[in-house]
Structure formats: C-alpha cells, structure tokens
C-alpha cells in the first residue's frame, strides 16, 4: 500500500495494489474508488482531504510505505 498527499491539490491517494485503473466510482462527494475493468478496487482518491480527516497523519503513512 502506498499513500500520497498532494498539499497543493489537497488530495490524498491511497494505492491498494498495482495496476492501471480503467474507471472510477464516486462513492461520496470527493471520494473516488479507482477500479480495474473487472471491478477490483486498486486505489482510493480523497479530494478536499484536509476537510475530511487530519492529513498530518498521512506523513507517517507515506514514510512507512
């Protein structure tokens, strides 16, 4: 698992597995599941991340990944 946070875009990106997304499903405003063509979730994108959770915690995850 890889975790990235783009401060300029205020977006968090959580990569669950390798692969190229074929599409995405917005499950809640600003939360997108990226999927393969056979509907496996490979990543999660969270827009306006700093409004949804404490993004400072992502620094620890980025270093651990």
N, C-alpha and C. Protein backbone atom coordinates (compact mmCIF):
# COMPACT_ATOMS: atom_id res chain seq x y z
N UNK A 1 0.85 -1.17 0.00
CA UNK A 1 0.00 0.00 0.00
C UNK A 1 0.89 1.23 0.00
N UNK A 2 0.55 2.17 -0.84
CA UNK A 2 1.25 3.45 -0.90
C UNK A 2 0.26 4.56 -0.63
N UNK A 3 0.72 5.55 0.11
CA UNK A 3 -0.14 6.69 0.45
C UNK A 3 0.59 7.96 0.03
N UNK A 4 -0.12 8.82 -0.67
CA UNK A 4 0.45 10.12 -1.06
C UNK A 4 -0.55 11.22 -0.74
N UNK A 5 -0.01 12.37 -0.41
CA UNK A 5 -0.86 13.54 -0.17
C UNK A 5 -0.29 14.70 -0.96
N UNK A 6 -1.10 15.30 -1.79
CA UNK A 6 -0.71 16.47 -2.58
C UNK A 6 -1.30 17.69 -1.89
N UNK A 7 -0.44 18.45 -1.22
CA UNK A 7 -0.91 19.63 -0.47
C UNK A 7 -1.52 20.69 -1.39
N UNK A 8 -0.93 20.87 -2.54
CA UNK A 8 -1.44 21.90 -3.46
C UNK A 8 -2.86 21.57 -3.92
N UNK A 9 -3.11 20.30 -4.23
CA UNK A 9 -4.44 19.87 -4.68
C UNK A 9 -5.35 19.49 -3.51
N UNK A 10 -4.77 19.37 -2.32
CA UNK A 10 -5.48 18.89 -1.13
C UNK A 10 -6.17 17.58 -1.43
N UNK A 11 -5.38 16.64 -1.96
CA UNK A 11 -5.90 15.33 -2.35
C UNK A 11 -5.02 14.23 -1.78
N UNK A 12 -5.65 13.22 -1.22
CA UNK A 12 -4.95 12.04 -0.73
C UNK A 12 -5.20 10.91 -1.72
N UNK A 13 -4.17 10.10 -1.94
CA UNK A 13 -4.27 9.00 -2.87
C UNK A 13 -3.72 7.75 -2.18
N UNK A 14 -4.55 6.75 -2.05
CA UNK A 14 -4.16 5.51 -1.38
C UNK A 14 -4.16 4.40 -2.42
N UNK A 15 -2.99 3.89 -2.72
CA UNK A 15 -2.85 2.82 -3.71
C UNK A 15 -2.88 1.49 -2.97
N UNK A 16 -3.87 0.68 -3.26
CA UNK A 16 -4.03 -0.61 -2.59
C UNK A 16 -3.28 -1.72 -3.29
N UNK A 17 -3.20 -1.66 -4.62
CA UNK A 17 -2.48 -2.66 -5.38
C UNK A 17 -2.02 -2.05 -6.70
N UNK A 18 -1.06 -2.71 -7.32
CA UNK A 18 -0.54 -2.23 -8.59
C UNK A 18 -1.57 -2.46 -9.69
N UNK A 19 -1.50 -1.67 -10.70
CA UNK A 19 -2.41 -1.82 -11.81
C UNK A 19 -2.81 -0.46 -12.36
N UNK A 20 -3.42 -0.50 -13.52
CA UNK A 20 -3.88 0.73 -14.15
C UNK A 20 -5.40 0.80 -14.03
N UNK A 21 -5.89 1.89 -13.44
CA UNK A 21 -7.35 1.99 -13.32
C UNK A 21 -8.02 2.10 -14.68
N UNK A 22 -9.16 1.47 -14.78
CA UNK A 22 -9.94 1.52 -16.01
C UNK A 22 -11.15 2.43 -15.84
N UNK A 23 -11.43 2.78 -14.61
CA UNK A 23 -12.58 3.64 -14.34
C UNK A 23 -12.61 4.00 -12.87
N UNK A 24 -13.64 4.70 -12.50
CA UNK A 24 -13.77 5.10 -11.11
C UNK A 24 -15.22 5.30 -10.74
N UNK A 25 -15.47 5.17 -9.44
CA UNK A 25 -16.82 5.33 -8.91
C UNK A 25 -16.74 6.29 -7.74
N UNK A 26 -17.49 7.39 -7.82
CA UNK A 26 -17.53 8.34 -6.71
C UNK A 26 -18.55 7.82 -5.71
N UNK A 27 -18.06 7.35 -4.55
CA UNK A 27 -18.96 6.75 -3.57
C UNK A 27 -19.54 7.78 -2.60
N UNK A 28 -18.91 8.92 -2.54
CA UNK A 28 -19.35 10.04 -1.73
C UNK A 28 -18.71 11.26 -2.37
N UNK A 29 -19.25 12.42 -2.15
CA UNK A 29 -18.69 13.61 -2.77
C UNK A 29 -17.20 13.72 -2.43
N UNK A 30 -16.36 13.67 -3.46
CA UNK A 30 -14.93 13.83 -3.29
C UNK A 30 -14.18 12.57 -2.88
N UNK A 31 -14.85 11.42 -2.87
CA UNK A 31 -14.20 10.15 -2.56
C UNK A 31 -14.42 9.21 -3.74
N UNK A 32 -13.32 8.87 -4.42
CA UNK A 32 -13.41 8.09 -5.65
C UNK A 32 -12.66 6.78 -5.49
N UNK A 33 -13.33 5.68 -5.82
CA UNK A 33 -12.68 4.37 -5.88
C UNK A 33 -12.26 4.15 -7.32
N UNK A 34 -10.98 3.92 -7.55
CA UNK A 34 -10.48 3.62 -8.90
C UNK A 34 -10.46 2.11 -9.05
N UNK A 35 -11.04 1.63 -10.14
CA UNK A 35 -11.21 0.20 -10.34
C UNK A 35 -10.63 -0.27 -11.66
N UNK A 36 -10.39 -1.58 -11.74
CA UNK A 36 -9.97 -2.21 -12.99
C UNK A 36 -11.22 -2.56 -13.79
N UNK A 37 -11.02 -3.04 -14.99
CA UNK A 37 -12.18 -3.39 -15.82
C UNK A 37 -12.97 -4.56 -15.25
N UNK A 38 -12.34 -5.37 -14.38
CA UNK A 38 -13.09 -6.45 -13.73
C UNK A 38 -13.55 -6.06 -12.32
N UNK A 39 -13.63 -4.73 -12.08
CA UNK A 39 -14.24 -4.13 -10.89
C UNK A 39 -13.47 -4.36 -9.59
N UNK A 40 -12.17 -4.59 -9.66
CA UNK A 40 -11.35 -4.69 -8.46
C UNK A 40 -10.88 -3.28 -8.08
N UNK A 41 -10.99 -2.95 -6.81
CA UNK A 41 -10.56 -1.63 -6.34
C UNK A 41 -9.04 -1.64 -6.21
N UNK A 42 -8.39 -0.69 -6.91
CA UNK A 42 -6.93 -0.63 -6.80
C UNK A 42 -6.45 0.63 -6.08
N UNK A 43 -7.31 1.63 -5.98
CA UNK A 43 -6.90 2.84 -5.26
C UNK A 43 -8.11 3.65 -4.82
N UNK A 44 -7.84 4.53 -3.87
CA UNK A 44 -8.87 5.44 -3.34
C UNK A 44 -8.31 6.85 -3.41
N UNK A 45 -9.07 7.76 -3.95
CA UNK A 45 -8.68 9.17 -4.03
C UNK A 45 -9.65 9.99 -3.19
N UNK A 46 -9.10 10.85 -2.34
CA UNK A 46 -9.94 11.68 -1.47
C UNK A 46 -9.62 13.14 -1.76
N UNK A 47 -10.58 13.85 -2.31
CA UNK A 47 -10.43 15.27 -2.62
C UNK A 47 -10.84 16.10 -1.41
N UNK A 48 -10.30 17.32 -1.29
CA UNK A 48 -10.53 18.15 -0.11
C UNK A 48 -10.21 17.35 1.15
N UNK A 49 -9.11 16.64 1.10
CA UNK A 49 -8.74 15.70 2.16
C UNK A 49 -8.62 16.37 3.53
N UNK A 50 -8.09 17.57 3.59
CA UNK A 50 -7.88 18.22 4.88
C UNK A 50 -9.20 18.57 5.57
N UNK A 51 -10.29 18.57 4.84
CA UNK A 51 -11.61 18.82 5.42
C UNK A 51 -12.25 17.53 5.93
N UNK A 52 -11.71 16.39 5.51
CA UNK A 52 -12.33 15.12 5.84
C UNK A 52 -11.62 14.36 6.97
N UNK A 53 -10.31 14.57 7.13
CA UNK A 53 -9.56 13.89 8.18
C UNK A 53 -8.24 14.62 8.40
N UNK A 54 -7.54 14.34 9.51
CA UNK A 54 -6.28 15.04 9.80
C UNK A 54 -5.17 14.56 8.86
N UNK A 55 -4.87 15.34 7.85
CA UNK A 55 -3.90 14.93 6.83
C UNK A 55 -2.47 14.84 7.38
N UNK A 56 -2.20 15.42 8.52
CA UNK A 56 -0.87 15.31 9.11
C UNK A 56 -0.53 13.85 9.38
N UNK A 57 -1.53 13.03 9.62
CA UNK A 57 -1.29 11.60 9.86
C UNK A 57 -0.77 10.90 8.60
N UNK A 58 -0.98 11.48 7.44
CA UNK A 58 -0.51 10.87 6.19
C UNK A 58 1.00 10.90 6.08
N UNK A 59 1.65 11.88 6.70
CA UNK A 59 3.11 11.95 6.66
C UNK A 59 3.71 10.67 7.21
N UNK A 60 3.16 10.14 8.28
CA UNK A 60 3.65 8.90 8.87
C UNK A 60 3.43 7.73 7.92
N UNK A 61 2.27 7.67 7.30
CA UNK A 61 1.98 6.57 6.37
C UNK A 61 2.85 6.63 5.14
N UNK A 62 3.14 7.84 4.63
CA UNK A 62 3.97 7.97 3.45
C UNK A 62 5.37 7.42 3.72
N UNK A 63 5.91 7.67 4.89
CA UNK A 63 7.25 7.21 5.24
C UNK A 63 7.28 5.70 5.48
N UNK A 64 6.19 5.14 5.96
CA UNK A 64 6.14 3.72 6.27
C UNK A 64 5.93 2.87 5.01
N UNK A 65 5.38 3.45 3.98
CA UNK A 65 5.05 2.68 2.77
C UNK A 65 6.26 2.38 1.93
